[in-house]
């Protein structure tokens, strides 16, 4: 098995040993769509609730995983000296960051499938109406958010600092990203700022594709830019200790 595959498998086993991480990553988004599906009673295919609650659940789960769990985990490795010991092996930063990205995206896919199935089968939420657009928005949203999370992990010297920075980015993203409240109910300037944040662009792209339209090129371009810039910066700035 290639070195990256071995490392990915090992990191996945470590992640799954922590029940709290699994709950936050997978169970929380499903619980959100179930709770709001039971309370809100969607009123038809054109009801904004149809696109807001499922995508809010997905975006919240992605943000938790990318901005909270991933940076804290990697910075904790650095603080405990695990990365220093790893640096004595042929392993390079790109492989470690790739392993973390593969695990995170895989877990995000599981959460997305469960949210879609539970929401549709149990609470009559519609399925994504533009599936190609949904895939593009989901993949780019994952890579953009995780690139930002990996950048935080690359430069944070301790788990506490990584957690602080990640939590700060998490809550700011929720406010400007149209997650706390639908974008149509927010002041225009907040919506405009949110268009240029990774979570805001992800949320709006998912909602657009869920309602049947193609995500705006602005949002997809923003996500692509975060993926490239933050991803390259994370690989370049990563330090073992």
Protein backbone atom coordinates (compact mmCIF):
# COMPACT_ATOMS: atom_id res chain seq x y z
CA UNK A 1 0.00 0.00 0.00
CA UNK A 2 1.42 3.46 -0.89
CA UNK A 3 2.71 5.56 2.00
CA UNK A 4 -0.14 8.07 1.73
CA UNK A 5 -2.73 5.29 1.81
CA UNK A 6 -1.14 3.71 4.87
CA UNK A 7 -1.01 7.05 6.65
CA UNK A 8 -4.63 7.82 5.72
CA UNK A 9 -5.83 4.48 7.07
CA UNK A 10 -3.90 4.98 10.31
CA UNK A 11 -5.23 8.50 10.81
CA UNK A 12 -8.79 7.32 10.13
CA UNK A 13 -8.52 4.65 12.84
CA UNK A 14 -7.28 7.28 15.30
CA UNK A 15 -10.15 9.61 14.39
CA UNK A 16 -12.82 6.95 14.81
CA UNK A 17 -11.56 6.15 18.31
CA UNK A 18 -12.92 9.52 19.43
CA UNK A 19 -16.75 9.22 19.60
CA UNK A 20 -17.19 12.98 20.04
CA UNK A 21 -15.52 13.72 16.71
CA UNK A 22 -17.70 11.19 14.91
CA UNK A 23 -20.84 12.62 16.51
CA UNK A 24 -19.97 16.19 15.54
CA UNK A 25 -19.03 15.20 12.00
CA UNK A 26 -21.82 12.80 11.07
CA UNK A 27 -24.57 12.70 13.70
CA UNK A 28 -24.92 16.47 14.20
CA UNK A 29 -25.87 17.34 10.58
CA UNK A 30 -28.36 14.46 10.49
CA UNK A 31 -29.84 15.53 13.83
CA UNK A 32 -30.20 19.12 12.62
CA UNK A 33 -32.11 18.17 9.48
CA UNK A 34 -34.28 15.77 11.49
CA UNK A 35 -35.15 18.29 14.20
CA UNK A 36 -35.93 21.14 11.83
CA UNK A 37 -37.71 18.79 9.44
CA UNK A 38 -40.02 17.71 12.26
CA UNK A 39 -40.63 21.28 13.44
CA UNK A 40 -40.79 23.25 10.21
CA UNK A 41 -43.09 21.03 8.11
CA UNK A 42 -41.89 22.04 4.61
CA UNK A 43 -44.73 23.49 2.58
CA UNK A 44 -43.86 22.51 -0.98
CA UNK A 45 -41.05 22.40 -3.50
CA UNK A 46 -40.83 26.20 -3.70
CA UNK A 47 -40.65 26.66 0.07
CA UNK A 48 -37.23 28.21 0.95
CA UNK A 49 -37.09 25.81 3.89
CA UNK A 50 -36.54 23.05 1.34
CA UNK A 51 -33.14 24.48 0.41
CA UNK A 52 -32.16 26.16 3.67
CA UNK A 53 -32.31 23.47 6.37
CA UNK A 54 -30.57 20.62 4.50
CA UNK A 55 -27.80 22.88 3.23
CA UNK A 56 -27.46 24.53 6.64
CA UNK A 57 -26.95 21.10 8.19
CA UNK A 58 -24.31 20.22 5.60
CA UNK A 59 -22.51 23.55 5.88
CA UNK A 60 -22.47 23.42 9.67
CA UNK A 61 -20.99 19.92 9.65
CA UNK A 62 -18.35 20.90 7.09
CA UNK A 63 -17.38 23.99 9.05
CA UNK A 64 -17.09 22.03 12.31
CA UNK A 65 -14.85 19.44 10.70
CA UNK A 66 -12.72 21.83 8.66
CA UNK A 67 -12.30 24.77 11.02
CA UNK A 68 -12.47 23.11 14.45
CA UNK A 69 -11.50 19.45 14.43
CA UNK A 70 -8.81 19.34 11.73
CA UNK A 71 -6.68 22.29 12.96
CA UNK A 72 -6.89 21.18 16.59
CA UNK A 73 -5.87 17.62 15.70
CA UNK A 74 -2.81 18.56 13.66
CA UNK A 75 -1.68 21.30 16.04
CA UNK A 76 -2.07 18.81 18.89
CA UNK A 77 0.25 16.44 17.03
CA UNK A 78 2.81 19.23 16.78
CA UNK A 79 2.49 20.16 20.45
CA UNK A 80 2.92 16.54 21.59
CA UNK A 81 5.99 16.01 19.43
CA UNK A 82 4.30 13.49 17.13
CA UNK A 83 5.09 15.59 14.07
CA UNK A 84 8.73 15.97 15.14
CA UNK A 85 9.11 12.20 15.32
CA UNK A 86 7.35 11.87 11.97
CA UNK A 87 9.82 14.31 10.43
CA UNK A 88 12.62 11.75 10.92
CA UNK A 89 10.87 9.44 8.44
CA UNK A 90 10.60 9.86 4.63
CA UNK A 91 7.12 11.35 5.21
CA UNK A 92 6.66 14.91 3.89
CA UNK A 93 4.12 17.57 4.85
CA UNK A 94 2.12 17.17 1.64
CA UNK A 95 1.39 13.51 2.43
CA UNK A 96 0.21 14.26 5.95
CA UNK A 97 -2.02 17.11 4.79
CA UNK A 98 -3.36 14.96 1.94
CA UNK A 99 -4.21 12.16 4.39
CA UNK A 100 -6.13 14.58 6.61
CA UNK A 101 -7.94 16.02 3.58
CA UNK A 102 -8.96 12.56 2.32
CA UNK A 103 -10.33 11.56 5.72
CA UNK A 104 -12.23 14.80 6.14
CA UNK A 105 -13.77 14.73 2.66
CA UNK A 106 -14.72 11.07 3.10
CA UNK A 107 -16.51 11.80 6.37
CA UNK A 108 -18.20 14.82 4.80
CA UNK A 109 -19.51 12.63 1.98
CA UNK A 110 -20.98 10.15 4.48
CA UNK A 111 -22.67 13.01 6.34
CA UNK A 112 -24.02 14.49 3.09
CA UNK A 113 -25.52 11.17 1.95
CA UNK A 114 -27.20 10.66 5.31
CA UNK A 115 -28.57 14.22 5.40
CA UNK A 116 -30.03 13.87 1.91
CA UNK A 117 -31.57 10.44 2.54
CA UNK A 118 -32.93 11.17 6.00
CA UNK A 119 -34.27 14.56 4.98
CA UNK A 120 -35.96 13.22 1.87
CA UNK A 121 -37.28 9.89 3.12
CA UNK A 122 -38.31 10.90 6.63
CA UNK A 123 -39.21 14.59 6.32
CA UNK A 124 -40.05 15.08 2.62
CA UNK A 125 -37.25 17.52 1.86
CA UNK A 126 -36.57 17.62 -1.87
CA UNK A 127 -33.46 16.06 -3.35
CA UNK A 128 -30.88 18.38 -4.97
CA UNK A 129 -32.54 19.38 -8.24
CA UNK A 130 -29.32 20.23 -10.10
CA UNK A 131 -27.15 17.28 -9.19
CA UNK A 132 -24.14 18.35 -11.26
CA UNK A 133 -24.19 21.77 -9.65
CA UNK A 134 -24.58 20.18 -6.23
CA UNK A 135 -21.52 17.97 -6.76
CA UNK A 136 -19.45 20.93 -7.93
CA UNK A 137 -20.55 23.04 -4.96
CA UNK A 138 -19.98 20.24 -2.46
CA UNK A 139 -16.54 19.25 -3.74
CA UNK A 140 -15.28 22.81 -4.02
CA UNK A 141 -16.84 23.70 -0.67
CA UNK A 142 -15.02 20.78 0.97
CA UNK A 143 -11.66 21.60 -0.58
CA UNK A 144 -11.93 25.33 0.17
CA UNK A 145 -12.97 24.92 3.82
CA UNK A 146 -10.42 22.19 4.50
CA UNK A 147 -7.68 24.19 2.82
CA UNK A 148 -8.39 27.04 5.25
CA UNK A 149 -8.45 24.59 8.18
CA UNK A 150 -5.16 23.03 7.10
CA UNK A 151 -3.62 26.49 6.82
CA UNK A 152 -4.58 27.19 10.43
CA UNK A 153 -3.12 23.82 11.42
CA UNK A 154 0.07 24.54 9.50
CA UNK A 155 0.93 27.70 11.43
CA UNK A 156 -0.66 27.20 14.88
CA UNK A 157 2.04 26.13 17.36
CA UNK A 158 -0.35 24.57 19.89
CA UNK A 159 -3.75 22.92 19.95
CA UNK A 160 -5.13 25.72 22.12
CA UNK A 161 -4.17 28.39 19.60
CA UNK A 162 -5.51 26.31 16.71
CA UNK A 163 -8.79 25.84 18.56
CA UNK A 164 -9.06 29.56 19.31
CA UNK A 165 -8.40 30.59 15.73
CA UNK A 166 -10.65 27.85 14.36
CA UNK A 167 -13.56 28.71 16.66
CA UNK A 168 -13.22 32.38 15.76
CA UNK A 169 -13.30 31.62 12.03
CA UNK A 170 -16.17 29.20 12.62
CA UNK A 171 -18.51 31.71 14.24
CA UNK A 172 -17.61 34.56 11.92
CA UNK A 173 -18.29 32.23 9.00
CA UNK A 174 -21.67 31.23 10.40
CA UNK A 175 -22.74 34.88 10.69
CA UNK A 176 -21.58 36.00 7.25
CA UNK A 177 -22.23 32.70 5.51
CA UNK A 178 -26.01 32.65 5.80
CA UNK A 179 -25.94 29.65 8.15
CA UNK A 180 -27.35 31.21 11.32
CA UNK A 181 -30.09 32.81 9.23
CA UNK A 182 -31.09 32.48 5.54
CA UNK A 183 -29.30 34.95 3.30
CA UNK A 184 -32.61 36.46 2.17
CA UNK A 185 -33.23 37.62 5.75
CA UNK A 186 -29.80 39.21 6.20
CA UNK A 187 -28.75 42.82 5.46
CA UNK A 188 -27.37 43.14 1.91
CA UNK A 189 -23.86 44.09 3.05
CA UNK A 190 -23.56 40.90 5.11
CA UNK A 191 -24.71 38.85 2.13
CA UNK A 192 -22.14 40.58 -0.06
CA UNK A 193 -19.32 39.87 2.42
CA UNK A 194 -20.53 36.29 2.71
CA UNK A 195 -20.21 35.81 -1.04
CA UNK A 196 -16.44 36.05 -0.59
CA UNK A 197 -16.11 33.73 2.39
CA UNK A 198 -15.62 29.97 1.87
CA UNK A 199 -18.63 29.00 3.99
CA UNK A 200 -20.88 31.69 2.49
CA UNK A 201 -19.97 30.67 -1.06
CA UNK A 202 -20.49 27.01 -0.16
CA UNK A 203 -23.86 27.62 1.46
CA UNK A 204 -25.21 29.72 -1.41
CA UNK A 205 -23.89 27.31 -4.06
CA UNK A 206 -25.54 24.37 -2.31
CA UNK A 207 -28.84 26.22 -2.00
CA UNK A 208 -28.78 27.24 -5.66
CA UNK A 209 -28.16 23.68 -6.84
CA UNK A 210 -30.74 22.29 -4.41
CA UNK A 211 -33.39 24.57 -5.91
CA UNK A 212 -32.47 23.50 -9.46
CA UNK A 213 -30.22 26.30 -10.71
CA UNK A 214 -26.50 26.19 -11.40
CA UNK A 215 -24.35 27.80 -8.69
CA UNK A 216 -23.09 31.26 -9.58
CA UNK A 217 -19.62 31.38 -11.13
CA UNK A 218 -18.67 33.99 -8.53
CA UNK A 219 -19.21 31.50 -5.72
CA UNK A 220 -17.49 28.62 -7.49
CA UNK A 221 -14.57 30.90 -8.37
CA UNK A 222 -14.25 32.04 -4.75
CA UNK A 223 -14.17 28.42 -3.59
CA UNK A 224 -11.58 27.51 -6.21
CA UNK A 225 -9.41 30.46 -5.18
CA UNK A 226 -9.51 29.48 -1.49
CA UNK A 227 -8.65 25.90 -2.42
CA UNK A 228 -5.57 26.86 -4.40
CA UNK A 229 -4.25 29.76 -2.33
CA UNK A 230 -4.90 28.37 1.16
CA UNK A 231 -3.90 24.85 0.12
CA UNK A 232 -0.56 25.93 -1.31
CA UNK A 233 0.07 28.19 1.67
CA UNK A 234 -0.67 25.32 4.07
CA UNK A 235 1.84 23.03 2.33
CA UNK A 236 4.48 25.77 2.16
CA UNK A 237 4.12 27.07 5.74
CA UNK A 238 3.71 23.67 7.43
CA UNK A 239 6.24 23.06 10.18
CA UNK A 240 6.93 19.82 12.01
CA UNK A 241 7.64 21.62 15.28
